[in-house]
Protein backbone atom coordinates (compact mmCIF):
# COMPACT_ATOMS: atom_id res chain seq x y z
CA MET A 1 99.60 79.37 56.64
CA ARG A 2 101.92 77.56 58.91
CA LYS A 3 101.64 74.21 57.57
CA ILE A 4 102.10 75.47 54.00
CA LEU A 5 105.28 77.45 55.07
CA LEU A 6 106.62 74.11 56.70
CA TRP A 7 105.84 72.06 53.81
CA VAL A 8 107.23 74.50 51.10
CA GLY A 9 110.00 75.11 53.27
CA GLY A 10 110.96 71.78 53.69
CA LEU A 11 110.34 70.48 50.09
CA LEU A 12 112.86 73.47 48.82
CA VAL A 13 115.36 72.42 51.27
CA GLY A 14 115.17 68.84 50.09
CA ILE A 15 115.44 69.85 46.40
CA GLY A 16 118.25 71.84 47.26
CA ALA A 17 120.30 69.51 49.10
CA ALA A 18 119.87 66.88 46.23
CA LEU A 19 121.17 69.13 43.93
CA ILE A 20 124.00 69.93 46.19
CA ALA A 21 124.63 66.24 46.22
CA ALA A 22 124.04 65.64 42.59
CA SER A 23 126.52 68.16 41.85
CA THR A 24 128.84 66.75 44.44
CA VAL A 25 128.75 63.35 42.99
CA LEU A 26 129.06 64.72 39.15
CA SER A 27 131.90 66.66 40.09
CA TYR A 28 133.75 63.46 41.91
CA MET A 29 133.35 61.74 38.57
CA GLY A 30 135.02 64.42 36.62
CA LEU A 31 131.83 66.09 35.30
CA GLY A 32 130.65 69.73 35.71
CA ALA A 33 127.05 70.37 35.82
CA SER A 34 126.08 73.78 35.24
CA TYR A 35 122.64 75.46 34.00
CA ASN A 36 122.82 77.94 30.88
CA PHE A 37 121.10 81.15 31.89
CA GLY A 38 122.47 83.15 28.49
CA ASP A 39 121.04 82.94 24.97
CA PRO A 40 122.67 80.06 23.30
CA GLY A 41 120.94 81.59 19.45
CA LYS A 42 123.44 84.70 20.49
CA PHE A 43 126.33 82.81 21.82
CA GLN A 44 125.72 84.29 25.27
CA PHE A 45 126.80 81.64 27.68
CA VAL A 46 126.02 82.22 31.40
CA LEU A 47 126.85 78.98 33.34
CA VAL A 48 125.98 78.59 36.92
CA PRO A 49 126.95 75.33 38.72
CA PHE A 50 124.12 73.37 40.31
CA TRP A 51 125.64 73.69 43.67
CA GLN A 52 125.03 77.50 43.55
CA ILE A 53 121.38 76.77 42.36
CA GLY A 54 120.93 73.99 45.00
CA LEU A 55 122.11 76.54 47.69
CA ALA A 56 119.68 79.36 46.41
CA ILE A 57 116.80 76.83 46.71
CA ALA A 58 118.01 75.61 49.81
CA VAL A 59 118.46 79.20 51.66
CA LEU A 60 115.02 79.90 50.12
CA GLY A 61 113.61 77.16 51.84
CA GLY A 62 115.64 77.65 55.19
CA ALA A 63 113.79 81.28 55.13
CA CYS A 64 110.38 79.91 54.93
CA LEU A 65 111.17 77.46 57.81
CA ILE A 66 112.29 80.63 59.76
CA GLY A 67 108.93 82.10 58.87
CA TRP A 68 106.96 78.80 60.16
CA ARG A 69 108.71 79.00 63.22
CA SER A 70 108.45 82.86 64.05
CA LEU A 71 104.63 82.37 63.19
CA LYS A 72 104.14 79.20 65.67
CA LYS A 73 105.91 81.28 68.39
CA SER A 74 103.83 84.55 67.87
CA VAL A 75 100.25 82.44 67.70
CA ALA A 76 101.05 80.50 71.09
C-alpha cells in the first residue's frame, strides 16, 4: 500500500506540475489553454484553465504523498 501511494502520488504531482508548466509557457506565448467542461452542443461553455486542473491534480498527489508518510511513521 505504501509503494502504491508513493508511485501514484509522485505521478500525480509530476502530471500536475507538467500541466502548470505547459499553461505558463502557453500564457507566455499569448495563448490561453483551457478545457471545456460544458456541452458545446447546447452552447454551454465552462472553460477551466490548465493551471487550475494541474493544481488540483498536484494537490491530490500531495495528499497521496502525505498519506504515504503517515503510513510509514505508523508502521515503524
